[in-house]
Amino acid sequence: MVSGRFPPLMAVSAAGAAMGLLALLLVLLPATLFSGGAATTSVTLPREPKLAAVEIPPFREFEDVIDRPLFNPARAPDPLPPAQAAKSALPALADYRLVGIVLMKGTKLALVERKQAKQVVTLHPGDELDGRRVENIGSDGVELSGGPVRELLAMPRISGISRSDRADTKAARH
């Protein structure tokens, strides 16, 4: 320290430390010291008036908005999701009945009846049935796909009869 003056770096550091100490005191001291002893008053906000019950028009009033959506280009109707579009283009699975399944070594075969035509068709894996592709034939039924949709045409089950019942009756007869 020559001539009793602080070097410039020390002066800046001292000023920064003083500012930090002042900020710390302002944060830590309670606000009542600086309020001048004035009493605090509470302010109550006015309540919003209650709205009367609004009657919503019937759904049919919005058909125009549904048919011509505001945010679609050219205000065209919303496109169907791919799965729903593919499913709606195909005949209902209920229009068919699985009549029989043949599963032998190297052979998978399904007999499917078109109910309205009363016509039985023979299907192998890879064949087409009115727009659906036969993906697999198994003991539980025929797996069909129409676009992204996969469905199972199941073999009808007869309730009340089981293999164990038939085995018991055969054993009882002999």
Protein backbone atom coordinates (compact mmCIF):
# COMPACT_ATOMS: atom_id res chain seq x y z
CA MET A 1 0.00 0.00 0.00
CA VAL A 2 1.73 2.93 -1.30
CA SER A 3 0.31 6.39 -0.65
CA GLY A 4 -2.66 5.00 1.39
CA ARG A 5 -4.99 4.34 -1.52
CA PHE A 6 -6.73 1.07 -2.31
CA PRO A 7 -5.80 -0.56 -5.58
CA PRO A 8 -8.76 -0.36 -8.05
CA LEU A 9 -9.52 -4.08 -7.82
CA MET A 10 -9.87 -3.94 -4.05
CA ALA A 11 -12.18 -0.91 -4.31
CA VAL A 12 -14.51 -2.77 -6.65
CA SER A 13 -14.46 -5.83 -4.41
CA ALA A 14 -15.25 -3.73 -1.33
CA ALA A 15 -18.14 -1.99 -3.11
CA GLY A 16 -19.53 -5.37 -4.27
CA ALA A 17 -19.30 -6.77 -0.75
CA ALA A 18 -21.07 -3.70 0.68
CA MET A 19 -23.90 -4.03 -1.88
CA GLY A 20 -24.27 -7.74 -1.11
CA LEU A 21 -24.43 -7.02 2.62
CA LEU A 22 -27.06 -4.32 2.08
CA ALA A 23 -29.16 -6.68 -0.09
CA LEU A 24 -28.91 -9.41 2.54
CA LEU A 25 -30.07 -7.01 5.27
CA LEU A 26 -33.02 -5.86 3.18
CA VAL A 27 -34.11 -9.46 2.61
CA LEU A 28 -33.63 -10.64 6.16
CA LEU A 29 -35.09 -7.67 8.05
CA PRO A 30 -38.82 -7.91 8.56
CA ALA A 31 -41.02 -5.60 6.53
CA THR A 32 -42.49 -4.06 9.68
CA LEU A 33 -39.28 -2.12 10.33
CA PHE A 34 -39.72 -0.31 7.05
CA SER A 35 -43.49 0.14 7.15
CA GLY A 36 -43.29 3.17 9.43
CA GLY A 37 -45.71 1.64 11.92
CA ALA A 38 -48.64 1.96 9.53
CA ALA A 39 -51.39 -0.56 10.12
CA THR A 40 -52.03 -2.97 7.36
CA THR A 41 -55.51 -3.02 5.94
CA SER A 42 -57.19 -5.91 4.24
CA VAL A 43 -58.86 -5.36 0.94
CA THR A 44 -61.82 -7.51 -0.03
CA LEU A 45 -62.29 -7.97 -3.71
CA PRO A 46 -65.80 -7.71 -5.06
CA ARG A 47 -67.33 -11.06 -5.93
CA GLU A 48 -68.12 -11.81 -9.51
CA PRO A 49 -71.84 -11.93 -10.10
CA LYS A 50 -73.22 -15.42 -10.64
CA LEU A 51 -74.26 -16.11 -14.19
CA ALA A 52 -77.70 -17.39 -14.91
CA ALA A 53 -77.88 -20.97 -16.13
CA VAL A 54 -77.22 -21.02 -19.85
CA GLU A 55 -79.38 -23.30 -21.91
CA ILE A 56 -77.31 -25.29 -24.41
CA PRO A 57 -78.99 -25.83 -27.77
CA PRO A 58 -79.68 -29.39 -28.94
CA PHE A 59 -76.84 -31.27 -30.65
CA ARG A 60 -78.47 -31.10 -34.08
CA GLU A 61 -77.89 -27.33 -34.02
CA PHE A 62 -74.14 -28.02 -34.36
CA GLU A 63 -74.34 -30.25 -37.45
CA ASP A 64 -72.99 -27.47 -39.67
CA VAL A 65 -69.91 -27.13 -37.49
CA ILE A 66 -69.32 -30.89 -37.54
CA ASP A 67 -69.83 -31.16 -41.32
CA ARG A 68 -67.62 -28.14 -42.08
CA PRO A 69 -64.95 -27.89 -39.32
CA LEU A 70 -63.40 -24.47 -38.99
CA PHE A 71 -59.76 -25.53 -38.73
CA ASN A 72 -59.62 -28.07 -41.61
CA PRO A 73 -58.37 -26.94 -45.02
CA ALA A 74 -61.28 -26.25 -47.36
CA ARG A 75 -63.54 -26.92 -44.33
CA ALA A 76 -63.78 -30.58 -45.32
CA PRO A 77 -65.12 -33.09 -42.75
CA ASP A 78 -62.61 -34.78 -40.47
CA PRO A 79 -61.16 -37.93 -42.06
CA LEU A 80 -61.85 -41.23 -40.33
CA PRO A 81 -58.95 -42.82 -38.44
CA PRO A 82 -57.27 -45.48 -40.63
CA ALA A 83 -58.49 -48.42 -38.55
CA GLN A 84 -62.07 -47.16 -38.54
CA ALA A 85 -62.01 -46.32 -42.26
CA ALA A 86 -60.69 -49.77 -43.17
CA LYS A 87 -63.20 -51.50 -40.91
CA SER A 88 -66.19 -49.55 -42.26
CA ALA A 89 -65.31 -50.44 -45.88
CA LEU A 90 -65.44 -54.16 -45.10
CA PRO A 91 -68.54 -56.27 -44.47
CA ALA A 92 -69.27 -56.90 -40.81
CA LEU A 93 -67.63 -59.97 -39.31
CA ALA A 94 -71.10 -61.01 -38.10
CA ASP A 95 -72.01 -61.65 -41.78
CA TYR A 96 -69.83 -64.78 -41.65
CA ARG A 97 -69.95 -68.03 -39.70
CA LEU A 98 -67.02 -70.36 -39.16
CA VAL A 99 -68.34 -73.80 -40.04
CA GLY A 100 -65.23 -75.91 -39.62
CA ILE A 101 -61.46 -76.01 -39.22
CA VAL A 102 -59.06 -78.69 -40.47
CA LEU A 103 -55.62 -78.72 -38.85
CA MET A 104 -53.35 -81.50 -40.03
CA LYS A 105 -49.62 -81.81 -40.51
CA GLY A 106 -48.80 -79.14 -43.11
CA THR A 107 -52.47 -78.31 -43.79
CA LYS A 108 -54.59 -75.52 -42.37
CA LEU A 109 -58.06 -75.14 -43.80
CA ALA A 110 -61.16 -73.21 -42.74
CA LEU A 111 -64.74 -73.52 -43.95
CA VAL A 112 -66.52 -70.16 -43.70
CA GLU A 113 -70.16 -69.53 -44.56
CA ARG A 114 -71.35 -66.23 -46.03
CA LYS A 115 -74.65 -66.04 -44.14
CA GLN A 116 -76.66 -63.97 -46.64
CA ALA A 117 -75.60 -66.00 -49.69
CA LYS A 118 -75.71 -69.29 -47.76
CA GLN A 119 -72.43 -70.14 -49.48
CA VAL A 120 -69.51 -71.99 -47.86
CA VAL A 121 -65.98 -71.07 -48.98
CA THR A 122 -62.75 -72.94 -48.29
CA LEU A 123 -59.90 -70.74 -47.04
CA HIS A 124 -56.17 -71.27 -46.55
CA PRO A 125 -53.68 -68.85 -44.90
CA GLY A 126 -52.98 -66.03 -47.38
CA ASP A 127 -56.40 -66.23 -49.10
CA GLU A 128 -58.79 -63.26 -49.33
CA LEU A 129 -62.35 -63.16 -48.00
CA ASP A 130 -64.27 -60.12 -49.29
CA GLY A 131 -61.40 -57.67 -48.71
CA ARG A 132 -59.95 -59.36 -45.64
CA ARG A 133 -56.75 -61.43 -45.74
CA VAL A 134 -56.58 -64.78 -43.93
CA GLU A 135 -53.54 -64.37 -41.68
CA ASN A 136 -53.71 -67.60 -39.69
CA ILE A 137 -55.97 -70.56 -39.03
CA GLY A 138 -55.78 -72.09 -35.57
CA SER A 139 -57.83 -74.13 -33.15
CA ASP A 140 -59.45 -70.94 -31.78
CA GLY A 141 -60.57 -69.65 -35.20
CA VAL A 142 -59.50 -67.74 -38.31
CA GLU A 143 -57.44 -64.58 -37.91
CA LEU A 144 -58.39 -62.02 -40.57
CA SER A 145 -56.86 -58.63 -41.36
CA GLY A 146 -58.38 -55.76 -43.27
CA GLY A 147 -55.76 -53.01 -43.47
CA PRO A 148 -54.48 -52.25 -39.97
CA VAL A 149 -57.42 -54.05 -38.31
CA ARG A 150 -56.98 -57.67 -37.17
CA GLU A 151 -60.05 -59.70 -36.16
CA LEU A 152 -60.76 -63.26 -35.10
CA LEU A 153 -63.62 -65.23 -36.60
CA ALA A 154 -64.03 -67.70 -33.76
CA MET A 155 -65.50 -71.17 -33.85
CA PRO A 156 -68.94 -71.16 -32.20
CA ARG A 157 -68.91 -72.88 -28.82
CA ILE A 158 -71.68 -75.17 -27.65
CA SER A 159 -72.40 -74.59 -24.00
CA GLY A 160 -73.10 -77.44 -21.61
CA ILE A 161 -70.96 -80.06 -23.36
CA SER A 162 -67.34 -80.74 -22.54
CA ARG A 163 -64.88 -83.46 -23.45
CA SER A 164 -64.69 -84.63 -19.85
CA ASP A 165 -68.49 -85.22 -19.83
CA ARG A 166 -68.27 -87.41 -22.94
CA ALA A 167 -65.34 -89.41 -21.49
CA ASP A 168 -67.31 -90.02 -18.29
CA THR A 169 -70.38 -91.27 -20.16
CA LYS A 170 -68.30 -93.61 -22.35
CA ALA A 171 -66.59 -95.08 -19.28
CA ALA A 172 -69.98 -95.52 -17.56
CA ARG A 173 -71.36 -97.43 -20.59
CA HIS A 174 -68.54 -99.97 -20.65
